[in-house]
Amino acid sequence: MAKTQSANRSSLPIEYYREEDGRWLADIPALPGVTAYGRTRKQATAAVQALALRLIADRLEHGEAVPIGSWRARDGRISCSPIMTASLSDLPQ
């Protein structure tokens, strides 16, 4: 399985793996368990970004720590700037 990575210092890197059967696997190491398959790299990217956003929303709903900032999905990246962690109780009311 071949591995590639998309990197930028202001966002969460997505690592890509190509399976022998041609499927793509996208993984965000900074968010354990956030891994998704796709028939194409683009489909795997969309799936892993959607999963990451769901995980972040779930953590916020349950008062768990999450990276906060200005989130957006673009070019195979989920961007958050500045990167820091906070729980829902830390956010301004």
PDB file of N, CA and C in Angstrom:
ATOM      1  N   MET A   1       0.856  -1.171   0.000  1.00  0.00           N
ATOM      2  CA  MET A   1       0.000   0.000   0.000  1.00  0.00           C
ATOM      3  C   MET A   1       0.902   1.234   0.000  1.00  0.00           C
ATOM      4  N   ALA A   2       0.747   2.083  -1.006  1.00  0.00           N
ATOM      5  CA  ALA A   2       1.548   3.303  -1.128  1.00  0.00           C
ATOM      6  C   ALA A   2       0.966   4.398  -0.254  1.00  0.00           C
ATOM      7  N   LYS A   3       1.846   5.230   0.318  1.00  0.00           N
ATOM      8  CA  LYS A   3       1.418   6.301   1.222  1.00  0.00           C
ATOM      9  C   LYS A   3       1.860   7.639   0.659  1.00  0.00           C
ATOM     10  N   THR A   4       0.951   8.617   0.667  1.00  0.00           N
ATOM     11  CA  THR A   4       1.282   9.999   0.320  1.00  0.00           C
ATOM     12  C   THR A   4       0.681  10.876   1.402  1.00  0.00           C
ATOM     13  N   GLN A   5       1.124  12.130   1.452  1.00  0.00           N
ATOM     14  CA  GLN A   5       0.615  13.037   2.487  1.00  0.00           C
ATOM     15  C   GLN A   5       0.433  14.417   1.910  1.00  0.00           C
ATOM     16  N   SER A   6      -0.618  15.086   2.372  1.00  0.00           N
ATOM     17  CA  SER A   6      -0.872  16.477   2.051  1.00  0.00           C
ATOM     18  C   SER A   6      -0.554  17.262   3.313  1.00  0.00           C
ATOM     19  N   ALA A   7       0.308  18.294   3.229  1.00  0.00           N
ATOM     20  CA  ALA A   7       0.723  18.989   4.450  1.00  0.00           C
ATOM     21  C   ALA A   7       0.670  20.500   4.308  1.00  0.00           C
ATOM     22  N   ASN A   8       0.334  21.159   5.406  1.00  0.00           N
ATOM     23  CA  ASN A   8       0.301  22.609   5.508  1.00  0.00           C
ATOM     24  C   ASN A   8       0.301  22.917   6.991  1.00  0.00           C
ATOM     25  N   ARG A   9       1.065  23.886   7.445  1.00  0.00           N
ATOM     26  CA  ARG A   9       1.185  24.094   8.885  1.00  0.00           C
ATOM     27  C   ARG A   9      -0.062  24.660   9.548  1.00  0.00           C
ATOM     28  N   SER A  10      -1.044  25.159   8.792  1.00  0.00           N
ATOM     29  CA  SER A  10      -2.238  25.718   9.424  1.00  0.00           C
ATOM     30  C   SER A  10      -3.450  24.801   9.321  1.00  0.00           C
ATOM     31  N   SER A  11      -3.249  23.526   9.000  1.00  0.00           N
ATOM     32  CA  SER A  11      -4.383  22.623   8.899  1.00  0.00           C
ATOM     33  C   SER A  11      -3.985  21.210   9.300  1.00  0.00           C
ATOM     34  N   LEU A  12      -4.968  20.352   9.425  1.00  0.00           N
ATOM     35  CA  LEU A  12      -4.725  18.977   9.821  1.00  0.00           C
ATOM     36  C   LEU A  12      -4.338  18.167   8.591  1.00  0.00           C
ATOM     37  N   PRO A  13      -3.158  17.554   8.597  1.00  0.00           N
ATOM     38  CA  PRO A  13      -2.733  16.783   7.428  1.00  0.00           C
ATOM     39  C   PRO A  13      -3.589  15.542   7.210  1.00  0.00           C
ATOM     40  N   ILE A  14      -3.811  15.228   5.956  1.00  0.00           N
ATOM     41  CA  ILE A  14      -4.494  14.005   5.560  1.00  0.00           C
ATOM     42  C   ILE A  14      -3.450  13.111   4.907  1.00  0.00           C
ATOM     43  N   GLU A  15      -3.333  11.889   5.400  1.00  0.00           N
ATOM     44  CA  GLU A  15      -2.443  10.918   4.790  1.00  0.00           C
ATOM     45  C   GLU A  15      -3.259  10.014   3.881  1.00  0.00           C
ATOM     46  N   TYR A  16      -2.690   9.685   2.737  1.00  0.00           N
ATOM     47  CA  TYR A  16      -3.376   8.859   1.747  1.00  0.00           C
ATOM     48  C   TYR A  16      -2.616   7.561   1.519  1.00  0.00           C
ATOM     49  N   TYR A  17      -3.386   6.499   1.352  1.00  0.00           N
ATOM     50  CA  TYR A  17      -2.833   5.190   1.036  1.00  0.00           C
ATOM     51  C   TYR A  17      -3.608   4.638  -0.154  1.00  0.00           C
ATOM     52  N   ARG A  18      -2.918   3.983  -1.048  1.00  0.00           N
ATOM     53  CA  ARG A  18      -3.577   3.357  -2.201  1.00  0.00           C
ATOM     54  C   ARG A  18      -3.550   1.855  -2.001  1.00  0.00           C
ATOM     55  N   GLU A  19      -4.714   1.241  -1.943  1.00  0.00           N
ATOM     56  CA  GLU A  19      -4.829  -0.202  -1.769  1.00  0.00           C
ATOM     57  C   GLU A  19      -4.474  -0.912  -3.071  1.00  0.00           C
ATOM     58  N   GLU A  20      -4.148  -2.191  -2.977  1.00  0.00           N
ATOM     59  CA  GLU A  20      -3.805  -2.968  -4.166  1.00  0.00           C
ATOM     60  C   GLU A  20      -4.962  -3.064  -5.141  1.00  0.00           C
ATOM     61  N   ASP A  21      -6.187  -3.000  -4.636  1.00  0.00           N
ATOM     62  CA  ASP A  21      -7.362  -3.078  -5.516  1.00  0.00           C
ATOM     63  C   ASP A  21      -7.734  -1.720  -6.124  1.00  0.00           C
ATOM     64  N   GLY A  22      -6.934  -0.681  -5.843  1.00  0.00           N
ATOM     65  CA  GLY A  22      -7.148   0.633  -6.449  1.00  0.00           C
ATOM     66  C   GLY A  22      -7.895   1.625  -5.577  1.00  0.00           C
ATOM     67  N   ARG A  23      -8.503   1.161  -4.484  1.00  0.00           N
ATOM     68  CA  ARG A  23      -9.225   2.083  -3.599  1.00  0.00           C
ATOM     69  C   ARG A  23      -8.240   2.987  -2.881  1.00  0.00           C
ATOM     70  N   TRP A  24      -8.720   4.179  -2.504  1.00  0.00           N
ATOM     71  CA  TRP A  24      -7.924   5.133  -1.730  1.00  0.00           C
ATOM     72  C   TRP A  24      -8.408   5.117  -0.291  1.00  0.00           C
ATOM     73  N   LEU A  25      -7.462   5.233   0.629  1.00  0.00           N
ATOM     74  CA  LEU A  25      -7.742   5.349   2.051  1.00  0.00           C
ATOM     75  C   LEU A  25      -7.192   6.696   2.498  1.00  0.00           C
ATOM     76  N   ALA A  26      -8.021   7.517   3.116  1.00  0.00           N
ATOM     77  CA  ALA A  26      -7.602   8.828   3.635  1.00  0.00           C
ATOM     78  C   ALA A  26      -7.683   8.772   5.152  1.00  0.00           C
ATOM     79  N   ASP A  27      -6.658   9.293   5.823  1.00  0.00           N
ATOM     80  CA  ASP A  27      -6.567   9.218   7.276  1.00  0.00           C
ATOM     81  C   ASP A  27      -6.083  10.556   7.828  1.00  0.00           C
ATOM     82  N   ILE A  28      -6.677  11.003   8.935  1.00  0.00           N
ATOM     83  CA  ILE A  28      -6.222  12.212   9.625  1.00  0.00           C
ATOM     84  C   ILE A  28      -5.622  11.756  10.950  1.00  0.00           C
ATOM     85  N   PRO A  29      -4.281  11.618  11.010  1.00  0.00           N
ATOM     86  CA  PRO A  29      -3.634  11.098  12.218  1.00  0.00           C
ATOM     87  C   PRO A  29      -3.917  11.911  13.481  1.00  0.00           C
ATOM     88  N   ALA A  30      -4.140  13.209  13.355  1.00  0.00           N
ATOM     89  CA  ALA A  30      -4.396  14.060  14.519  1.00  0.00           C
ATOM     90  C   ALA A  30      -5.751  13.772  15.160  1.00  0.00           C
ATOM     91  N   LEU A  31      -6.633  13.085  14.435  1.00  0.00           N
ATOM     92  CA  LEU A  31      -7.952  12.726  14.939  1.00  0.00           C
ATOM     93  C   LEU A  31      -8.083  11.210  14.861  1.00  0.00           C
ATOM     94  N   PRO A  32      -7.669  10.485  15.905  1.00  0.00           N
ATOM     95  CA  PRO A  32      -7.693   9.028  15.864  1.00  0.00           C
ATOM     96  C   PRO A  32      -9.048   8.468  15.457  1.00  0.00           C
ATOM     97  N   GLY A  33      -9.019   7.512  14.553  1.00  0.00           N
ATOM     98  CA  GLY A  33     -10.236   6.881  14.078  1.00  0.00           C
ATOM     99  C   GLY A  33     -10.861   7.555  12.874  1.00  0.00           C
ATOM    100  N   VAL A  34     -10.343   8.709  12.466  1.00  0.00           N
ATOM    101  CA  VAL A  34     -10.899   9.418  11.323  1.00  0.00           C
ATOM    102  C   VAL A  34     -10.180   8.930  10.069  1.00  0.00           C
ATOM    103  N   THR A  35     -10.760   7.894   9.471  1.00  0.00           N
ATOM    104  CA  THR A  35     -10.227   7.220   8.294  1.00  0.00           C
ATOM    105  C   THR A  35     -11.396   6.872   7.394  1.00  0.00           C
ATOM    106  N   ALA A  36     -11.232   7.033   6.088  1.00  0.00           N
ATOM    107  CA  ALA A  36     -12.318   6.731   5.152  1.00  0.00           C
ATOM    108  C   ALA A  36     -11.762   6.233   3.826  1.00  0.00           C
ATOM    109  N   TYR A  37     -12.537   5.382   3.169  1.00  0.00           N
ATOM    110  CA  TYR A  37     -12.194   4.862   1.847  1.00  0.00           C
ATOM    111  C   TYR A  37     -12.943   5.618   0.764  1.00  0.00           C
ATOM    112  N   GLY A  38     -12.421   5.564  -0.461  1.00  0.00           N
ATOM    113  CA  GLY A  38     -13.101   6.089  -1.637  1.00  0.00           C
ATOM    114  C   GLY A  38     -12.579   5.388  -2.873  1.00  0.00           C
ATOM    115  N   ARG A  39     -13.401   5.331  -3.932  1.00  0.00           N
ATOM    116  CA  ARG A  39     -12.930   4.753  -5.202  1.00  0.00           C
ATOM    117  C   ARG A  39     -11.849   5.619  -5.811  1.00  0.00           C
ATOM    118  N   THR A  40     -11.913   6.942  -5.527  1.00  0.00           N
ATOM    119  CA  THR A  40     -10.903   7.873  -6.015  1.00  0.00           C
ATOM    120  C   THR A  40     -10.334   8.627  -4.813  1.00  0.00           C
ATOM    121  N   ARG A  41      -9.194   9.292  -5.019  1.00  0.00           N
ATOM    122  CA  ARG A  41      -8.607  10.092  -3.941  1.00  0.00           C
ATOM    123  C   ARG A  41      -9.563  11.212  -3.536  1.00  0.00           C
ATOM    124  N   LYS A  42     -10.240  11.794  -4.517  1.00  0.00           N
ATOM    125  CA  LYS A  42     -11.188  12.879  -4.243  1.00  0.00           C
ATOM    126  C   LYS A  42     -12.348  12.385  -3.372  1.00  0.00           C
ATOM    127  N   GLN A  43     -12.873  11.187  -3.661  1.00  0.00           N
ATOM    128  CA  GLN A  43     -13.962  10.639  -2.854  1.00  0.00           C
ATOM    129  C   GLN A  43     -13.489  10.323  -1.431  1.00  0.00           C
ATOM    130  N   ALA A  44     -12.282   9.787  -1.299  1.00  0.00           N
ATOM    131  CA  ALA A  44     -11.739   9.491   0.027  1.00  0.00           C
ATOM    132  C   ALA A  44     -11.540  10.780   0.818  1.00  0.00           C
ATOM    133  N   THR A  45     -11.081  11.834   0.148  1.00  0.00           N
ATOM    134  CA  THR A  45     -10.884  13.130   0.800  1.00  0.00           C
ATOM    135  C   THR A  45     -12.215  13.677   1.305  1.00  0.00           C
ATOM    136  N   ALA A  46     -13.227  13.661   0.473  1.00  0.00           N
ATOM    137  CA  ALA A  46     -14.545  14.167   0.875  1.00  0.00           C
ATOM    138  C   ALA A  46     -15.098  13.373   2.052  1.00  0.00           C
ATOM    139  N   ALA A  47     -14.930  12.059   2.018  1.00  0.00           N
ATOM    140  CA  ALA A  47     -15.454  11.206   3.082  1.00  0.00           C
ATOM    141  C   ALA A  47     -14.726  11.451   4.401  1.00  0.00           C
ATOM    142  N   VAL A  48     -13.396  11.585   4.365  1.00  0.00           N
ATOM    143  CA  VAL A  48     -12.645  11.778   5.606  1.00  0.00           C
ATOM    144  C   VAL A  48     -12.885  13.178   6.178  1.00  0.00           C
ATOM    145  N   GLN A  49     -13.065  14.173   5.324  1.00  0.00           N
ATOM    146  CA  GLN A  49     -13.378  15.518   5.810  1.00  0.00           C
ATOM    147  C   GLN A  49     -14.741  15.545   6.488  1.00  0.00           C
ATOM    148  N   ALA A  50     -15.727  14.886   5.891  1.00  0.00           N
ATOM    149  CA  ALA A  50     -17.063  14.832   6.489  1.00  0.00           C
ATOM    150  C   ALA A  50     -17.016  14.120   7.834  1.00  0.00           C
ATOM    151  N   LEU A  51     -16.266  13.023   7.910  1.00  0.00           N
ATOM    152  CA  LEU A  51     -16.136  12.287   9.167  1.00  0.00           C
ATOM    153  C   LEU A  51     -15.450  13.136  10.235  1.00  0.00           C
ATOM    154  N   ALA A  52     -14.406  13.867   9.856  1.00  0.00           N
ATOM    155  CA  ALA A  52     -13.698  14.725  10.809  1.00  0.00           C
ATOM    156  C   ALA A  52     -14.625  15.807  11.361  1.00  0.00           C
ATOM    157  N   LEU A  53     -15.403  16.411  10.504  1.00  0.00           N
ATOM    158  CA  LEU A  53     -16.327  17.451  10.958  1.00  0.00           C
ATOM    159  C   LEU A  53     -17.398  16.887  11.882  1.00  0.00           C
ATOM    160  N   ARG A  54     -17.865  15.654  11.588  1.00  0.00           N
ATOM    161  CA  ARG A  54     -18.841  15.008  12.481  1.00  0.00           C
ATOM    162  C   ARG A  54     -18.224  14.735  13.853  1.00  0.00           C
ATOM    163  N   LEU A  55     -16.986  14.262  13.852  1.00  0.00           N
ATOM    164  CA  LEU A  55     -16.296  13.986  15.118  1.00  0.00           C
ATOM    165  C   LEU A  55     -16.143  15.260  15.937  1.00  0.00           C
ATOM    166  N   ILE A  56     -15.739  16.349  15.291  1.00  0.00           N
ATOM    167  CA  ILE A  56     -15.560  17.622  15.981  1.00  0.00           C
ATOM    168  C   ILE A  56     -16.896  18.111  16.549  1.00  0.00           C
ATOM    169  N   ALA A  57     -17.960  18.012  15.761  1.00  0.00           N
ATOM    170  CA  ALA A  57     -19.291  18.423  16.236  1.00  0.00           C
ATOM    171  C   ALA A  57     -19.722  17.580  17.425  1.00  0.00           C
ATOM    172  N   ASP A  58     -19.482  16.269  17.364  1.00  0.00           N
ATOM    173  CA  ASP A  58     -19.846  15.376  18.463  1.00  0.00           C
ATOM    174  C   ASP A  58     -19.074  15.722  19.729  1.00  0.00           C
ATOM    175  N   ARG A  59     -17.782  16.011  19.581  1.00  0.00           N
ATOM    176  CA  ARG A  59     -16.980  16.389  20.755  1.00  0.00           C
ATOM    177  C   ARG A  59     -17.497  17.683  21.375  1.00  0.00           C
ATOM    178  N   LEU A  60     -17.865  18.647  20.540  1.00  0.00           N
ATOM    179  CA  LEU A  60     -18.412  19.899  21.060  1.00  0.00           C
ATOM    180  C   LEU A  60     -19.715  19.651  21.818  1.00  0.00           C
ATOM    181  N   GLU A  61     -20.589  18.821  21.253  1.00  0.00           N
ATOM    182  CA  GLU A  61     -21.871  18.522  21.902  1.00  0.00           C
ATOM    183  C   GLU A  61     -21.681  17.873  23.267  1.00  0.00           C
ATOM    184  N   HIS A  62     -20.593  17.118  23.423  1.00  0.00           N
ATOM    185  CA  HIS A  62     -20.357  16.404  24.671  1.00  0.00           C
ATOM    186  C   HIS A  62     -19.348  17.099  25.582  1.00  0.00           C
ATOM    187  N   GLY A  63     -18.986  18.331  25.248  1.00  0.00           N
ATOM    188  CA  GLY A  63     -18.094  19.107  26.096  1.00  0.00           C
ATOM    189  C   GLY A  63     -16.653  18.625  26.109  1.00  0.00           C
ATOM    190  N   GLU A  64     -16.247  17.889  25.093  1.00  0.00           N
ATOM    191  CA  GLU A  64     -14.881  17.380  25.018  1.00  0.00           C
ATOM    192  C   GLU A  64     -13.985  18.383  24.293  1.00  0.00           C
ATOM    193  N   ALA A  65     -12.684  18.277  24.520  1.00  0.00           N
ATOM    194  CA  ALA A  65     -11.722  19.178  23.883  1.00  0.00           C
ATOM    195  C   ALA A  65     -11.640  18.915  22.381  1.00  0.00           C
ATOM    196  N   VAL A  66     -11.579  20.001  21.630  1.00  0.00           N
ATOM    197  CA  VAL A  66     -11.424  19.931  20.174  1.00  0.00           C
ATOM    198  C   VAL A  66     -10.525  21.069  19.727  1.00  0.00           C
ATOM    199  N   PRO A  67      -9.859  20.911  18.568  1.00  0.00           N
ATOM    200  CA  PRO A  67      -9.165  22.068  17.997  1.00  0.00           C
ATOM    201  C   PRO A  67     -10.230  23.097  17.600  1.00  0.00           C
ATOM    202  N   ILE A  68     -10.002  24.375  17.897  1.00  0.00           N
ATOM    203  CA  ILE A  68     -10.974  25.399  17.519  1.00  0.00           C
ATOM    204  C   ILE A  68     -10.307  26.439  16.638  1.00  0.00           C
ATOM    205  N   GLY A  69     -11.101  27.218  15.979  1.00  0.00           N
ATOM    206  CA  GLY A  69     -10.607  28.263  15.109  1.00  0.00           C
ATOM    207  C   GLY A  69     -11.546  28.407  13.934  1.00  0.00           C
ATOM    208  N   SER A  70     -11.034  28.837  12.833  1.00  0.00           N
ATOM    209  CA  SER A  70     -11.818  29.016  11.625  1.00  0.00           C
ATOM    210  C   SER A  70     -11.694  27.752  10.775  1.00  0.00           C
ATOM    211  N   TRP A  71     -12.696  26.872  10.845  1.00  0.00           N
ATOM    212  CA  TRP A  71     -12.656  25.584  10.146  1.00  0.00           C
ATOM    213  C   TRP A  71     -13.156  25.707   8.724  1.00  0.00           C
ATOM    214  N   ARG A  72     -12.485  24.994   7.825  1.00  0.00           N
ATOM    215  CA  ARG A  72     -13.001  24.867   6.462  1.00  0.00           C
ATOM    216  C   ARG A  72     -12.334  23.680   5.792  1.00  0.00           C
ATOM    217  N   ALA A  73     -13.028  23.065   4.869  1.00  0.00           N
ATOM    218  CA  ALA A  73     -12.485  21.955   4.093  1.00  0.00           C
ATOM    219  C   ALA A  73     -12.148  22.480   2.703  1.00  0.00           C
ATOM    220  N   ARG A  74     -10.877  22.265   2.283  1.00  0.00           N
ATOM    221  CA  ARG A  74     -10.461  22.762   0.979  1.00  0.00           C
ATOM    222  C   ARG A  74      -9.201  22.035   0.529  1.00  0.00           C
ATOM    223  N   ASP A  75      -9.150  21.663  -0.723  1.00  0.00           N
ATOM    224  CA  ASP A  75      -7.961  21.059  -1.329  1.00  0.00           C
ATOM    225  C   ASP A  75      -7.384  19.907  -0.519  1.00  0.00           C
ATOM    226  N   GLY A  76      -8.231  19.015  -0.065  1.00  0.00           N
ATOM    227  CA  GLY A  76      -7.755  17.863   0.673  1.00  0.00           C
ATOM    228  C   GLY A  76      -7.287  18.170   2.079  1.00  0.00           C
ATOM    229  N   ARG A  77      -7.712  19.295   2.627  1.00  0.00           N
ATOM    230  CA  ARG A  77      -7.273  19.715   3.956  1.00  0.00           C
ATOM    231  C   ARG A  77      -8.475  20.171   4.769  1.00  0.00           C
ATOM    232  N   ILE A  78      -8.408  19.986   6.047  1.00  0.00           N
ATOM    233  CA  ILE A  78      -9.375  20.607   6.948  1.00  0.00           C
ATOM    234  C   ILE A  78      -8.585  21.651   7.702  1.00  0.00           C
ATOM    235  N   SER A  79      -8.872  22.902   7.430  1.00  0.00           N
ATOM    236  CA  SER A  79      -8.082  23.998   7.984  1.00  0.00           C
ATOM    237  C   SER A  79      -8.685  24.538   9.266  1.00  0.00           C
ATOM    238  N   CYS A  80      -7.824  24.853  10.195  1.00  0.00           N
ATOM    239  CA  CYS A  80      -8.218  25.471  11.454  1.00  0.00           C
ATOM    240  C   CYS A  80      -7.103  26.423  11.837  1.00  0.00           C
ATOM    241  N   SER A  81      -7.412  27.691  11.898  1.00  0.00           N
ATOM    242  CA  SER A  81      -6.371  28.644  12.213  1.00  0.00           C
ATOM    243  C   SER A  81      -6.920  29.682  13.177  1.00  0.00           C
ATOM    244  N   PRO A  82      -6.338  29.973  14.309  1.00  0.00           N
ATOM    245  CA  PRO A  82      -5.163  29.302  14.867  1.00  0.00           C
ATOM    246  C   PRO A  82      -5.537  27.952  15.453  1.00  0.00           C
ATOM    247  N   ILE A  83      -4.560  27.062  15.592  1.00  0.00           N
ATOM    248  CA  ILE A  83      -4.827  25.749  16.154  1.00  0.00           C
ATOM    249  C   ILE A  83      -4.606  25.803  17.660  1.00  0.00           C
ATOM    250  N   MET A  84      -5.644  25.445  18.388  1.00  0.00           N
ATOM    251  CA  MET A  84      -5.577  25.343  19.846  1.00  0.00           C
ATOM    252  C   MET A  84      -6.682  24.394  20.262  1.00  0.00           C
ATOM    253  N   THR A  85      -6.720  23.997  21.492  1.00  0.00           N
ATOM    254  CA  THR A  85      -7.805  23.125  21.938  1.00  0.00           C
ATOM    255  C   THR A  85      -8.589  23.815  23.027  1.00  0.00           C
ATOM    256  N   ALA A  86      -9.865  23.473  23.072  1.00  0.00           N
ATOM    257  CA  ALA A  86     -10.753  24.021  24.086  1.00  0.00           C
ATOM    258  C   ALA A  86     -11.941  23.100  24.216  1.00  0.00           C
ATOM    259  N   SER A  87     -12.623  23.175  25.308  1.00  0.00           N
ATOM    260  CA  SER A  87     -13.883  22.468  25.448  1.00  0.00           C
ATOM    261  C   SER A  87     -14.995  23.511  25.305  1.00  0.00           C
ATOM    262  N   LEU A  88     -16.193  23.041  25.178  1.00  0.00           N
ATOM    263  CA  LEU A  88     -17.334  23.944  24.990  1.00  0.00           C
ATOM    264  C   LEU A  88     -17.432  24.941  26.146  1.00  0.00           C
ATOM    265  N   SER A  89     -17.098  24.520  27.341  1.00  0.00           N
ATOM    266  CA  SER A  89     -17.190  25.419  28.488  1.00  0.00           C
ATOM    267  C   SER A  89     -16.149  26.539  28.440  1.00  0.00           C
ATOM    268  N   ASP A  90     -15.087  26.363  27.631  1.00  0.00           N
ATOM    269  CA  ASP A  90     -14.056  27.392  27.498  1.00  0.00           C
ATOM    270  C   ASP A  90     -14.439  28.498  26.520  1.00  0.00           C
ATOM    271  N   LEU A  91     -15.446  28.235  25.688  1.00  0.00           N
ATOM    272  CA  LEU A  91     -15.826  29.196  24.658  1.00  0.00           C
ATOM    273  C   LEU A  91     -16.637  30.328  25.262  1.00  0.00           C
ATOM    274  N   PRO A  92     -16.544  31.535  24.679  1.00  0.00           N
ATOM    275  CA  PRO A  92     -17.310  32.675  25.197  1.00  0.00           C
ATOM    276  C   PRO A  92     -18.810  32.403  25.116  1.00  0.00           C
ATOM    277  N   GLN A  93     -19.530  32.850  26.113  1.00  0.00           N
ATOM    278  CA  GLN A  93     -20.985  32.633  26.151  1.00  0.00           C
ATOM    279  C   GLN A  93     -21.712  33.739  25.425  1.00  0.00           C
TER     280      GLN A  93
END
